[in-house]
Full PDB file with SEQRES, HELIX, SHEET, SSBOND, CRYST1, ORIGX, SCALE, CONECT and MASTER records, all heavy atoms in Angstrom:
SEQRES   1 A   43  SER ASP LYS ILE GLY LYS ARG ILE PRO ASN LEU GLU LEU          
SEQRES   2 A   43  PRO TRP ALA LYS VAL SER VAL LEU VAL THR ASP ASP ARG          
SEQRES   3 A   43  ILE ASP GLU SER ALA LEU LYS GLN ILE SER ASP GLN GLY          
SEQRES   4 A   43  VAL ARG VAL MET                                              
HELIX    1 AA1 TRP A   15  LYS A   17  5                                   3    
HELIX    2 AA2 GLU A   29  ASP A   37  1                                   9    
SHEET    1 AA1 2 VAL A  20  LEU A  21  0                                        
SHEET    2 AA1 2 ARG A  41  VAL A  42  1                                        
CRYST1    1.000    1.000    1.000  90.00  90.00  90.00 P 1           1          
ORIGX1      1.000000  0.000000  0.000000        0.00000                         
ORIGX2      0.000000  1.000000  0.000000        0.00000                         
ORIGX3      0.000000  0.000000  1.000000        0.00000                         
SCALE1      1.000000  0.000000  0.000000        0.00000                         
SCALE2      0.000000  1.000000  0.000000        0.00000                         
SCALE3      0.000000  0.000000  1.000000        0.00000                         
ATOM      1  N   SER A   1       5.225   4.006  -6.795  1.00  0.00           N  
ATOM      2  CA  SER A   1       3.857   3.549  -7.076  1.00  0.00           C  
ATOM      3  C   SER A   1       3.812   2.382  -8.053  1.00  0.00           C  
ATOM      4  O   SER A   1       2.858   1.600  -8.041  1.00  0.00           O  
ATOM      5  CB  SER A   1       3.015   4.708  -7.621  1.00  0.00           C  
ATOM      6  OG  SER A   1       3.540   5.193  -8.851  1.00  0.00           O  
ATOM      7  N   ASP A   2       4.849   2.220  -8.895  1.00  0.00           N  
ATOM      8  CA  ASP A   2       4.820   1.115  -9.851  1.00  0.00           C  
ATOM      9  C   ASP A   2       5.026  -0.243  -9.186  1.00  0.00           C  
ATOM     10  O   ASP A   2       4.856  -1.290  -9.820  1.00  0.00           O  
ATOM     11  CB  ASP A   2       5.827   1.319 -10.992  1.00  0.00           C  
ATOM     12  CG  ASP A   2       7.267   1.441 -10.504  1.00  0.00           C  
ATOM     13  OD1 ASP A   2       7.521   1.223  -9.301  1.00  0.00           O  
ATOM     14  OD2 ASP A   2       8.142   1.752 -11.337  1.00  0.00           O  
ATOM     15  N   LYS A   3       5.380  -0.241  -7.893  1.00  0.00           N  
ATOM     16  CA  LYS A   3       5.497  -1.505  -7.157  1.00  0.00           C  
ATOM     17  C   LYS A   3       4.172  -1.935  -6.517  1.00  0.00           C  
ATOM     18  O   LYS A   3       4.058  -3.052  -6.020  1.00  0.00           O  
ATOM     19  CB  LYS A   3       6.572  -1.383  -6.066  1.00  0.00           C  
ATOM     20  CG  LYS A   3       7.988  -1.230  -6.601  1.00  0.00           C  
ATOM     21  CD  LYS A   3       8.996  -1.207  -5.466  1.00  0.00           C  
ATOM     22  CE  LYS A   3      10.429  -1.122  -5.999  1.00  0.00           C  
ATOM     23  NZ  LYS A   3      11.419  -1.096  -4.899  1.00  0.00           N  
ATOM     24  N   ILE A   4       3.226  -1.035  -6.524  1.00  0.00           N  
ATOM     25  CA  ILE A   4       1.950  -1.323  -5.871  1.00  0.00           C  
ATOM     26  C   ILE A   4       1.095  -2.215  -6.759  1.00  0.00           C  
ATOM     27  O   ILE A   4       0.871  -1.914  -7.927  1.00  0.00           O  
ATOM     28  CB  ILE A   4       1.218  -0.012  -5.532  1.00  0.00           C  
ATOM     29  CG1 ILE A   4       2.047   0.767  -4.500  1.00  0.00           C  
ATOM     30  CG2 ILE A   4      -0.193  -0.281  -5.006  1.00  0.00           C  
ATOM     31  CD1 ILE A   4       1.529   2.147  -4.180  1.00  0.00           C  
ATOM     32  N   GLY A   5       0.659  -3.328  -6.180  1.00  0.00           N  
ATOM     33  CA  GLY A   5      -0.108  -4.309  -6.938  1.00  0.00           C  
ATOM     34  C   GLY A   5       0.726  -5.481  -7.398  1.00  0.00           C  
ATOM     35  O   GLY A   5       0.199  -6.464  -7.922  1.00  0.00           O  
ATOM     36  N   LYS A   6       2.062  -5.404  -7.214  1.00  0.00           N  
ATOM     37  CA  LYS A   6       2.940  -6.516  -7.575  1.00  0.00           C  
ATOM     38  C   LYS A   6       2.768  -7.645  -6.567  1.00  0.00           C  
ATOM     39  O   LYS A   6       2.914  -7.449  -5.369  1.00  0.00           O  
ATOM     40  CB  LYS A   6       4.407  -6.069  -7.592  1.00  0.00           C  
ATOM     41  CG  LYS A   6       4.814  -5.313  -8.834  1.00  0.00           C  
ATOM     42  CD  LYS A   6       6.329  -5.132  -8.873  1.00  0.00           C  
ATOM     43  CE  LYS A   6       6.772  -4.487 -10.180  1.00  0.00           C  
ATOM     44  NZ  LYS A   6       8.248  -4.330 -10.221  1.00  0.00           N  
ATOM     45  N   ARG A   7       2.458  -8.817  -7.052  1.00  0.00           N  
ATOM     46  CA  ARG A   7       2.247  -9.968  -6.175  1.00  0.00           C  
ATOM     47  C   ARG A   7       3.507 -10.843  -6.204  1.00  0.00           C  
ATOM     48  O   ARG A   7       3.732 -11.592  -7.152  1.00  0.00           O  
ATOM     49  CB  ARG A   7       1.014 -10.748  -6.613  1.00  0.00           C  
ATOM     50  CG  ARG A   7      -0.268  -9.917  -6.579  1.00  0.00           C  
ATOM     51  CD  ARG A   7      -1.469 -10.714  -7.077  1.00  0.00           C  
ATOM     52  NE  ARG A   7      -1.826 -11.759  -6.132  1.00  0.00           N  
ATOM     53  CZ  ARG A   7      -2.700 -11.592  -5.134  1.00  0.00           C  
ATOM     54  NH1 ARG A   7      -3.277 -10.414  -4.942  1.00  0.00           N  
ATOM     55  NH2 ARG A   7      -2.988 -12.594  -4.324  1.00  0.00           N  
ATOM     56  N   ILE A   8       4.300 -10.698  -5.170  1.00  0.00           N  
ATOM     57  CA  ILE A   8       5.536 -11.461  -5.017  1.00  0.00           C  
ATOM     58  C   ILE A   8       5.308 -12.465  -3.885  1.00  0.00           C  
ATOM     59  O   ILE A   8       4.702 -12.127  -2.865  1.00  0.00           O  
ATOM     60  CB  ILE A   8       6.709 -10.508  -4.702  1.00  0.00           C  
ATOM     61  CG1 ILE A   8       6.908  -9.538  -5.879  1.00  0.00           C  
ATOM     62  CG2 ILE A   8       7.993 -11.268  -4.432  1.00  0.00           C  
ATOM     63  CD1 ILE A   8       7.829  -8.382  -5.582  1.00  0.00           C  
ATOM     64  N   PRO A   9       5.757 -13.706  -4.040  1.00  0.00           N  
ATOM     65  CA  PRO A   9       5.393 -14.760  -3.080  1.00  0.00           C  
ATOM     66  C   PRO A   9       5.717 -14.489  -1.620  1.00  0.00           C  
ATOM     67  O   PRO A   9       4.957 -14.868  -0.731  1.00  0.00           O  
ATOM     68  CB  PRO A   9       6.172 -15.983  -3.591  1.00  0.00           C  
ATOM     69  CG  PRO A   9       6.403 -15.712  -5.037  1.00  0.00           C  
ATOM     70  CD  PRO A   9       6.547 -14.239  -5.157  1.00  0.00           C  
ATOM     71  N   ASN A  10       6.859 -13.849  -1.334  1.00  0.00           N  
ATOM     72  CA  ASN A  10       7.305 -13.727   0.057  1.00  0.00           C  
ATOM     73  C   ASN A  10       6.692 -12.514   0.753  1.00  0.00           C  
ATOM     74  O   ASN A  10       7.055 -11.368   0.474  1.00  0.00           O  
ATOM     75  CB  ASN A  10       8.837 -13.622   0.113  1.00  0.00           C  
ATOM     76  CG  ASN A  10       9.512 -14.836  -0.499  1.00  0.00           C  
ATOM     77  OD1 ASN A  10       9.106 -15.959  -0.264  1.00  0.00           O  
ATOM     78  ND2 ASN A  10      10.531 -14.597  -1.306  1.00  0.00           N  
ATOM     79  N   LEU A  11       5.755 -12.772   1.658  1.00  0.00           N  
ATOM     80  CA  LEU A  11       5.170 -11.695   2.455  1.00  0.00           C  
ATOM     81  C   LEU A  11       6.199 -11.230   3.481  1.00  0.00           C  
ATOM     82  O   LEU A  11       6.789 -12.041   4.196  1.00  0.00           O  
ATOM     83  CB  LEU A  11       3.912 -12.184   3.171  1.00  0.00           C  
ATOM     84  CG  LEU A  11       3.218 -11.156   4.082  1.00  0.00           C  
ATOM     85  CD1 LEU A  11       2.636 -10.011   3.257  1.00  0.00           C  
ATOM     86  CD2 LEU A  11       2.139 -11.834   4.922  1.00  0.00           C  
ATOM     87  N   GLU A  12       6.438  -9.928   3.534  1.00  0.00           N  
ATOM     88  CA  GLU A  12       7.405  -9.392   4.489  1.00  0.00           C  
ATOM     89  C   GLU A  12       6.700  -8.833   5.718  1.00  0.00           C  
ATOM     90  O   GLU A  12       6.891  -9.306   6.831  1.00  0.00           O  
ATOM     91  CB  GLU A  12       8.269  -8.322   3.823  1.00  0.00           C  
ATOM     92  CG  GLU A  12       9.445  -7.885   4.676  1.00  0.00           C  
ATOM     93  CD  GLU A  12      10.485  -7.127   3.868  1.00  0.00           C  
ATOM     94  OE1 GLU A  12      10.132  -6.464   2.871  1.00  0.00           O  
ATOM     95  OE2 GLU A  12      11.668  -7.205   4.238  1.00  0.00           O  
ATOM     96  N   LEU A  13       5.858  -7.809   5.526  1.00  0.00           N  
ATOM     97  CA  LEU A  13       5.112  -7.225   6.635  1.00  0.00           C  
ATOM     98  C   LEU A  13       3.624  -7.181   6.296  1.00  0.00           C  
ATOM     99  O   LEU A  13       3.237  -6.593   5.290  1.00  0.00           O  
ATOM    100  CB  LEU A  13       5.608  -5.805   6.923  1.00  0.00           C  
ATOM    101  CG  LEU A  13       7.061  -5.640   7.386  1.00  0.00           C  
ATOM    102  CD1 LEU A  13       7.404  -4.170   7.535  1.00  0.00           C  
ATOM    103  CD2 LEU A  13       7.309  -6.392   8.692  1.00  0.00           C  
ATOM    104  N   PRO A  14       2.768  -7.774   7.120  1.00  0.00           N  
ATOM    105  CA  PRO A  14       1.321  -7.674   6.889  1.00  0.00           C  
ATOM    106  C   PRO A  14       0.853  -6.249   7.181  1.00  0.00           C  
ATOM    107  O   PRO A  14       1.517  -5.496   7.917  1.00  0.00           O  
ATOM    108  CB  PRO A  14       0.736  -8.676   7.889  1.00  0.00           C  
ATOM    109  CG  PRO A  14       1.757  -8.754   8.978  1.00  0.00           C  
ATOM    110  CD  PRO A  14       3.092  -8.574   8.318  1.00  0.00           C  
ATOM    111  N   TRP A  15      -0.285  -5.888   6.624  1.00  0.00           N  
ATOM    112  CA  TRP A  15      -0.797  -4.525   6.801  1.00  0.00           C  
ATOM    113  C   TRP A  15      -0.940  -4.151   8.275  1.00  0.00           C  
ATOM    114  O   TRP A  15      -0.783  -2.985   8.644  1.00  0.00           O  
ATOM    115  CB  TRP A  15      -2.132  -4.358   6.091  1.00  0.00           C  
ATOM    116  CG  TRP A  15      -2.031  -4.255   4.606  1.00  0.00           C  
ATOM    117  CD1 TRP A  15      -2.683  -5.012   3.678  1.00  0.00           C  
ATOM    118  CD2 TRP A  15      -1.243  -3.323   3.852  1.00  0.00           C  
ATOM    119  NE1 TRP A  15      -2.344  -4.635   2.403  1.00  0.00           N  
ATOM    120  CE2 TRP A  15      -1.464  -3.591   2.481  1.00  0.00           C  
ATOM    121  CE3 TRP A  15      -0.360  -2.304   4.203  1.00  0.00           C  
ATOM    122  CZ2 TRP A  15      -0.836  -2.866   1.464  1.00  0.00           C  
ATOM    123  CZ3 TRP A  15       0.265  -1.576   3.183  1.00  0.00           C  
ATOM    124  CH2 TRP A  15       0.019  -1.867   1.840  1.00  0.00           C  
ATOM    125  N   ALA A  16      -1.230  -5.111   9.124  1.00  0.00           N  
ATOM    126  CA  ALA A  16      -1.415  -4.826  10.551  1.00  0.00           C  
ATOM    127  C   ALA A  16      -0.152  -4.252  11.192  1.00  0.00           C  
ATOM    128  O   ALA A  16      -0.227  -3.581  12.231  1.00  0.00           O  
ATOM    129  CB  ALA A  16      -1.837  -6.097  11.287  1.00  0.00           C  
ATOM    130  N   LYS A  17       1.003  -4.491  10.580  1.00  0.00           N  
ATOM    131  CA  LYS A  17       2.273  -4.000  11.113  1.00  0.00           C  
ATOM    132  C   LYS A  17       2.689  -2.655  10.519  1.00  0.00           C  
ATOM    133  O   LYS A  17       3.658  -2.044  10.966  1.00  0.00           O  
ATOM    134  CB  LYS A  17       3.387  -5.018  10.842  1.00  0.00           C  
ATOM    135  CG  LYS A  17       3.213  -6.347  11.557  1.00  0.00           C  
ATOM    136  CD  LYS A  17       3.435  -6.198  13.046  1.00  0.00           C  
ATOM    137  CE  LYS A  17       3.399  -7.541  13.759  1.00  0.00           C  
ATOM    138  NZ  LYS A  17       3.585  -7.388  15.224  1.00  0.00           N  
ATOM    139  N   VAL A  18       1.985  -2.192   9.478  1.00  0.00           N  
ATOM    140  CA  VAL A  18       2.379  -0.979   8.760  1.00  0.00           C  
ATOM    141  C   VAL A  18       1.566   0.217   9.236  1.00  0.00           C  
ATOM    142  O   VAL A  18       0.335   0.159   9.282  1.00  0.00           O  
ATOM    143  CB  VAL A  18       2.202  -1.160   7.241  1.00  0.00           C  
ATOM    144  CG1 VAL A  18       2.581   0.119   6.497  1.00  0.00           C  
ATOM    145  CG2 VAL A  18       3.037  -2.345   6.743  1.00  0.00           C  
ATOM    146  N   SER A  19       2.252   1.298   9.587  1.00  0.00           N  
ATOM    147  CA  SER A  19       1.574   2.517  10.036  1.00  0.00           C  
ATOM    148  C   SER A  19       1.335   3.490   8.889  1.00  0.00           C  
ATOM    149  O   SER A  19       0.245   4.064   8.759  1.00  0.00           O  
ATOM    150  CB  SER A  19       2.424   3.217  11.113  1.00  0.00           C  
ATOM    151  OG  SER A  19       2.832   2.332  12.111  1.00  0.00           O  
ATOM    152  N   VAL A  20       2.386   3.699   8.076  1.00  0.00           N  
ATOM    153  CA  VAL A  20       2.342   4.701   7.001  1.00  0.00           C  
ATOM    154  C   VAL A  20       2.948   4.111   5.733  1.00  0.00           C  
ATOM    155  O   VAL A  20       3.964   3.419   5.792  1.00  0.00           O  
ATOM    156  CB  VAL A  20       3.133   5.977   7.393  1.00  0.00           C  
ATOM    157  CG1 VAL A  20       3.037   7.038   6.297  1.00  0.00           C  
ATOM    158  CG2 VAL A  20       2.657   6.530   8.730  1.00  0.00           C  
ATOM    159  N   LEU A  21       2.327   4.397   4.601  1.00  0.00           N  
ATOM    160  CA  LEU A  21       2.914   4.079   3.303  1.00  0.00           C  
ATOM    161  C   LEU A  21       3.217   5.395   2.600  1.00  0.00           C  
ATOM    162  O   LEU A  21       2.323   6.237   2.430  1.00  0.00           O  
ATOM    163  CB  LEU A  21       1.955   3.256   2.443  1.00  0.00           C  
ATOM    164  CG  LEU A  21       2.463   2.943   1.030  1.00  0.00           C  
ATOM    165  CD1 LEU A  21       3.523   1.853   1.079  1.00  0.00           C  
ATOM    166  CD2 LEU A  21       1.328   2.527   0.107  1.00  0.00           C  
ATOM    167  N   VAL A  22       4.472   5.592   2.207  1.00  0.00           N  
ATOM    168  CA  VAL A  22       4.859   6.798   1.463  1.00  0.00           C  
ATOM    169  C   VAL A  22       5.171   6.375   0.039  1.00  0.00           C  
ATOM    170  O   VAL A  22       6.043   5.543  -0.206  1.00  0.00           O  
ATOM    171  CB  VAL A  22       6.089   7.482   2.095  1.00  0.00           C  
ATOM    172  CG1 VAL A  22       6.380   8.799   1.370  1.00  0.00           C  
ATOM    173  CG2 VAL A  22       5.869   7.734   3.580  1.00  0.00           C  
ATOM    174  N   THR A  23       4.442   6.946  -0.911  1.00  0.00           N  
ATOM    175  CA  THR A  23       4.644   6.626  -2.320  1.00  0.00           C  
ATOM    176  C   THR A  23       4.454   7.897  -3.141  1.00  0.00           C  
ATOM    177  O   THR A  23       4.233   8.980  -2.585  1.00  0.00           O  
ATOM    178  CB  THR A  23       3.666   5.514  -2.766  1.00  0.00           C  
ATOM    179  OG1 THR A  23       4.007   5.100  -4.089  1.00  0.00           O  
ATOM    180  CG2 THR A  23       2.218   5.980  -2.728  1.00  0.00           C  
ATOM    181  N   ASP A  24       4.556   7.783  -4.472  1.00  0.00           N  
ATOM    182  CA  ASP A  24       4.375   8.973  -5.303  1.00  0.00           C  
ATOM    183  C   ASP A  24       2.912   9.118  -5.710  1.00  0.00           C  
ATOM    184  O   ASP A  24       2.112   8.187  -5.570  1.00  0.00           O  
ATOM    185  CB  ASP A  24       5.290   8.928  -6.525  1.00  0.00           C  
ATOM    186  CG  ASP A  24       5.034   7.717  -7.398  1.00  0.00           C  
ATOM    187  OD1 ASP A  24       3.999   7.705  -8.107  1.00  0.00           O  
ATOM    188  OD2 ASP A  24       5.860   6.777  -7.381  1.00  0.00           O  
ATOM    189  N   ASP A  25       2.572  10.307  -6.208  1.00  0.00           N  
ATOM    190  CA  ASP A  25       1.158  10.626  -6.465  1.00  0.00           C  
ATOM    191  C   ASP A  25       0.622  10.034  -7.767  1.00  0.00           C  
ATOM    192  O   ASP A  25      -0.482  10.391  -8.205  1.00  0.00           O  
ATOM    193  CB  ASP A  25       0.929  12.141  -6.444  1.00  0.00           C  
ATOM    194  CG  ASP A  25       1.830  12.902  -7.402  1.00  0.00           C  
ATOM    195  OD1 ASP A  25       2.458  12.255  -8.281  1.00  0.00           O  
ATOM    196  OD2 ASP A  25       1.923  14.132  -7.283  1.00  0.00           O  
ATOM    197  N   ARG A  26       1.350   9.079  -8.358  1.00  0.00           N  
ATOM    198  CA  ARG A  26       0.828   8.366  -9.526  1.00  0.00           C  
ATOM    199  C   ARG A  26       0.109   7.078  -9.119  1.00  0.00           C  
ATOM    200  O   ARG A  26      -0.306   6.303  -9.971  1.00  0.00           O  
ATOM    201  CB  ARG A  26       1.964   8.051 -10.503  1.00  0.00           C  
ATOM    202  CG  ARG A  26       2.611   9.302 -11.087  1.00  0.00           C  
ATOM    203  CD  ARG A  26       3.742   8.967 -12.043  1.00  0.00           C  
ATOM    204  NE  ARG A  26       3.256   8.387 -13.285  1.00  0.00           N  
ATOM    205  CZ  ARG A  26       4.036   8.062 -14.314  1.00  0.00           C  
ATOM    206  NH1 ARG A  26       5.339   8.256 -14.235  1.00  0.00           N  
ATOM    207  NH2 ARG A  26       3.523   7.544 -15.410  1.00  0.00           N  
ATOM    208  N   ILE A  27      -0.073   6.878  -7.841  1.00  0.00           N  
ATOM    209  CA  ILE A  27      -0.773   5.701  -7.356  1.00  0.00           C  
ATOM    210  C   ILE A  27      -2.215   5.683  -7.881  1.00  0.00           C  
ATOM    211  O   ILE A  27      -2.872   6.728  -7.957  1.00  0.00           O  
ATOM    212  CB  ILE A  27      -0.758   5.645  -5.811  1.00  0.00           C  
ATOM    213  CG1 ILE A  27      -1.436   4.371  -5.298  1.00  0.00           C  
ATOM    214  CG2 ILE A  27      -1.388   6.880  -5.205  1.00  0.00           C  
ATOM    215  CD1 ILE A  27      -1.344   4.189  -3.794  1.00  0.00           C  
ATOM    216  N   ASP A  28      -2.682   4.515  -8.247  1.00  0.00           N  
ATOM    217  CA  ASP A  28      -4.058   4.359  -8.717  1.00  0.00           C  
ATOM    218  C   ASP A  28      -5.035   4.648  -7.570  1.00  0.00           C  
ATOM    219  O   ASP A  28      -4.807   4.244  -6.427  1.00  0.00           O  
ATOM    220  CB  ASP A  28      -4.248   2.922  -9.228  1.00  0.00           C  
ATOM    221  CG  ASP A  28      -5.646   2.685  -9.753  1.00  0.00           C  
ATOM    222  OD1 ASP A  28      -5.933   3.093 -10.883  1.00  0.00           O  
ATOM    223  OD2 ASP A  28      -6.450   2.088  -9.004  1.00  0.00           O  
ATOM    224  N   GLU A  29      -6.128   5.333  -7.890  1.00  0.00           N  
ATOM    225  CA  GLU A  29      -7.104   5.729  -6.862  1.00  0.00           C  
ATOM    226  C   GLU A  29      -7.695   4.522  -6.133  1.00  0.00           C  
ATOM    227  O   GLU A  29      -7.897   4.552  -4.919  1.00  0.00           O  
ATOM    228  CB  GLU A  29      -8.225   6.567  -7.492  1.00  0.00           C  
ATOM    229  CG  GLU A  29      -7.835   7.993  -7.824  1.00  0.00           C  
ATOM    230  CD  GLU A  29      -7.546   8.830  -6.590  1.00  0.00           C  
ATOM    231  OE1 GLU A  29      -8.127   8.547  -5.519  1.00  0.00           O  
ATOM    232  OE2 GLU A  29      -6.727   9.756  -6.685  1.00  0.00           O  
ATOM    233  N   SER A  30      -7.984   3.455  -6.874  1.00  0.00           N  
ATOM    234  CA  SER A  30      -8.569   2.277  -6.233  1.00  0.00           C  
ATOM    235  C   SER A  30      -7.553   1.614  -5.297  1.00  0.00           C  
ATOM    236  O   SER A  30      -7.915   1.130  -4.214  1.00  0.00           O  
ATOM    237  CB  SER A  30      -9.053   1.275  -7.286  1.00  0.00           C  
ATOM    238  OG  SER A  30      -7.969   0.802  -8.067  1.00  0.00           O  
ATOM    239  N   ALA A  31      -6.282   1.607  -5.687  1.00  0.00           N  
ATOM    240  CA  ALA A  31      -5.235   1.051  -4.828  1.00  0.00           C  
ATOM    241  C   ALA A  31      -5.076   1.897  -3.569  1.00  0.00           C  
ATOM    242  O   ALA A  31      -4.916   1.368  -2.460  1.00  0.00           O  
ATOM    243  CB  ALA A  31      -3.914   0.978  -5.580  1.00  0.00           C  
ATOM    244  N   LEU A  32      -5.146   3.203  -3.734  1.00  0.00           N  
ATOM    245  CA  LEU A  32      -5.057   4.111  -2.597  1.00  0.00           C  
ATOM    246  C   LEU A  32      -6.160   3.827  -1.585  1.00  0.00           C  
ATOM    247  O   LEU A  32      -5.923   3.764  -0.374  1.00  0.00           O  
ATOM    248  CB  LEU A  32      -5.138   5.563  -3.090  1.00  0.00           C  
ATOM    249  CG  LEU A  32      -5.165   6.673  -2.035  1.00  0.00           C  
ATOM    250  CD1 LEU A  32      -3.933   6.613  -1.155  1.00  0.00           C  
ATOM    251  CD2 LEU A  32      -5.287   8.039  -2.702  1.00  0.00           C  
ATOM    252  N   LYS A  33      -7.370   3.611  -2.101  1.00  0.00           N  
ATOM    253  CA  LYS A  33      -8.505   3.330  -1.217  1.00  0.00           C  
ATOM    254  C   LYS A  33      -8.329   1.990  -0.499  1.00  0.00           C  
ATOM    255  O   LYS A  33      -8.587   1.869   0.704  1.00  0.00           O  
ATOM    256  CB  LYS A  33      -9.817   3.334  -2.000  1.00  0.00           C  
ATOM    257  CG  LYS A  33     -11.045   3.118  -1.124  1.00  0.00           C  
ATOM    258  CD  LYS A  33     -12.323   3.163  -1.928  1.00  0.00           C  
ATOM    259  CE  LYS A  33     -13.542   3.080  -1.002  1.00  0.00           C  
ATOM    260  NZ  LYS A  33     -13.514   1.926  -0.082  1.00  0.00           N  
ATOM    261  N   GLN A  34      -7.873   0.967  -1.231  1.00  0.00           N  
ATOM    262  CA  GLN A  34      -7.691  -0.350  -0.618  1.00  0.00           C  
ATOM    263  C   GLN A  34      -6.665  -0.305   0.513  1.00  0.00           C  
ATOM    264  O   GLN A  34      -6.860  -0.937   1.560  1.00  0.00           O  
ATOM    265  CB  GLN A  34      -7.251  -1.365  -1.671  1.00  0.00           C  
ATOM    266  CG  GLN A  34      -8.363  -1.806  -2.618  1.00  0.00           C  
ATOM    267  CD  GLN A  34      -7.888  -2.903  -3.544  1.00  0.00           C  
ATOM    268  OE1 GLN A  34      -7.621  -4.021  -3.125  1.00  0.00           O  
ATOM    269  NE2 GLN A  34      -7.778  -2.579  -4.834  1.00  0.00           N  
ATOM    270  N   ILE A  35      -5.597   0.443   0.296  1.00  0.00           N  
ATOM    271  CA  ILE A  35      -4.566   0.541   1.337  1.00  0.00           C  
ATOM    272  C   ILE A  35      -5.087   1.326   2.535  1.00  0.00           C  
ATOM    273  O   ILE A  35      -4.895   0.938   3.691  1.00  0.00           O  
ATOM    274  CB  ILE A  35      -3.289   1.184   0.761  1.00  0.00           C  
ATOM    275  CG1 ILE A  35      -2.686   0.278  -0.318  1.00  0.00           C  
ATOM    276  CG2 ILE A  35      -2.266   1.445   1.869  1.00  0.00           C  
ATOM    277  CD1 ILE A  35      -1.579   0.926  -1.120  1.00  0.00           C  
ATOM    278  N   SER A  36      -5.782   2.430   2.260  1.00  0.00           N  
ATOM    279  CA  SER A  36      -6.347   3.238   3.343  1.00  0.00           C  
ATOM    280  C   SER A  36      -7.367   2.443   4.151  1.00  0.00           C  
ATOM    281  O   SER A  36      -7.456   2.571   5.383  1.00  0.00           O  
ATOM    282  CB  SER A  36      -7.006   4.502   2.772  1.00  0.00           C  
ATOM    283  OG  SER A  36      -6.061   5.313   2.109  1.00  0.00           O  
ATOM    284  N   ASP A  37      -8.118   1.588   3.467  1.00  0.00           N  
ATOM    285  CA  ASP A  37      -9.110   0.754   4.146  1.00  0.00           C  
ATOM    286  C   ASP A  37      -8.467  -0.262   5.087  1.00  0.00           C  
ATOM    287  O   ASP A  37      -9.135  -0.822   5.968  1.00  0.00           O  
ATOM    288  CB  ASP A  37      -9.992   0.023   3.126  1.00  0.00           C  
ATOM    289  CG  ASP A  37     -10.980   0.949   2.426  1.00  0.00           C  
ATOM    290  OD1 ASP A  37     -11.162   2.090   2.920  1.00  0.00           O  
ATOM    291  OD2 ASP A  37     -11.555   0.552   1.397  1.00  0.00           O  
ATOM    292  N   GLN A  38      -7.164  -0.522   4.905  1.00  0.00           N  
ATOM    293  CA  GLN A  38      -6.440  -1.431   5.792  1.00  0.00           C  
ATOM    294  C   GLN A  38      -5.998  -0.726   7.078  1.00  0.00           C  
ATOM    295  O   GLN A  38      -5.362  -1.330   7.942  1.00  0.00           O  
ATOM    296  CB  GLN A  38      -5.199  -1.987   5.076  1.00  0.00           C  
ATOM    297  CG  GLN A  38      -5.495  -2.844   3.864  1.00  0.00           C  
ATOM    298  CD  GLN A  38      -5.976  -4.240   4.221  1.00  0.00           C  
ATOM    299  OE1 GLN A  38      -5.993  -4.631   5.382  1.00  0.00           O  
ATOM    300  NE2 GLN A  38      -6.362  -5.004   3.204  1.00  0.00           N  
ATOM    301  N   GLY A  39      -6.353   0.568   7.195  1.00  0.00           N  
ATOM    302  CA  GLY A  39      -5.966   1.332   8.373  1.00  0.00           C  
ATOM    303  C   GLY A  39      -4.582   1.948   8.264  1.00  0.00           C  
ATOM    304  O   GLY A  39      -4.000   2.371   9.270  1.00  0.00           O  
ATOM    305  N   VAL A  40      -4.053   2.003   7.042  1.00  0.00           N  
ATOM    306  CA  VAL A  40      -2.713   2.544   6.802  1.00  0.00           C  
ATOM    307  C   VAL A  40      -2.829   3.982   6.295  1.00  0.00           C  
ATOM    308  O   VAL A  40      -3.594   4.260   5.368  1.00  0.00           O  
ATOM    309  CB  VAL A  40      -1.950   1.679   5.769  1.00  0.00           C  
ATOM    310  CG1 VAL A  40      -0.602   2.305   5.435  1.00  0.00           C  
ATOM    311  CG2 VAL A  40      -1.772   0.258   6.302  1.00  0.00           C  
ATOM    312  N   ARG A  41      -2.084   4.884   6.897  1.00  0.00           N  
ATOM    313  CA  ARG A  41      -2.022   6.263   6.414  1.00  0.00           C  
ATOM    314  C   ARG A  41      -1.160   6.304   5.164  1.00  0.00           C  
ATOM    315  O   ARG A  41      -0.064   5.727   5.138  1.00  0.00           O  
ATOM    316  CB  ARG A  41      -1.428   7.162   7.488  1.00  0.00           C  
ATOM    317  CG  ARG A  41      -1.212   8.611   7.047  1.00  0.00           C  
ATOM    318  CD  ARG A  41      -0.454   9.376   8.123  1.00  0.00           C  
ATOM    319  NE  ARG A  41      -0.116  10.717   7.688  1.00  0.00           N  
ATOM    320  CZ  ARG A  41       0.722  11.531   8.334  1.00  0.00           C  
ATOM    321  NH1 ARG A  41       1.279  11.121   9.476  1.00  0.00           N  
ATOM    322  NH2 ARG A  41       0.993  12.744   7.877  1.00  0.00           N  
ATOM    323  N   VAL A  42      -1.626   6.970   4.109  1.00  0.00           N  
ATOM    324  CA  VAL A  42      -0.868   7.066   2.865  1.00  0.00           C  
ATOM    325  C   VAL A  42      -0.417   8.513   2.669  1.00  0.00           C  
ATOM    326  O   VAL A  42      -1.229   9.436   2.699  1.00  0.00           O  
ATOM    327  CB  VAL A  42      -1.695   6.600   1.649  1.00  0.00           C  
ATOM    328  CG1 VAL A  42      -0.855   6.706   0.375  1.00  0.00           C  
ATOM    329  CG2 VAL A  42      -2.183   5.165   1.855  1.00  0.00           C  
ATOM    330  N   MET A  43       0.889   8.703   2.459  1.00  0.00           N  
ATOM    331  CA  MET A  43       1.442  10.021   2.162  1.00  0.00           C  
ATOM    332  C   MET A  43       1.930  10.016   0.717  1.00  0.00           C  
ATOM    333  O   MET A  43       2.632   9.075   0.301  1.00  0.00           O  
ATOM    334  CB  MET A  43       2.606  10.348   3.101  1.00  0.00           C  
ATOM    335  CG  MET A  43       2.211  10.498   4.551  1.00  0.00           C  
ATOM    336  SD  MET A  43       3.641  10.852   5.627  1.00  0.00           S  
ATOM    337  CE  MET A  43       4.089  12.511   5.055  1.00  0.00           C  
TER     338      MET A  43                                                      
MASTER        0    0    0    2    2    0    0    6  337    1    0    4          
END                                                                             
């Protein structure tokens, strides 16, 4: 979860290509919502 929100120049995979994001439960609630709003399932 500490990598979430890090803005690194090189985009690897856009959200449209991602099905599931698996992270730990320390993720910020607002970040969780933003990712879910992209159509990505979060575990």
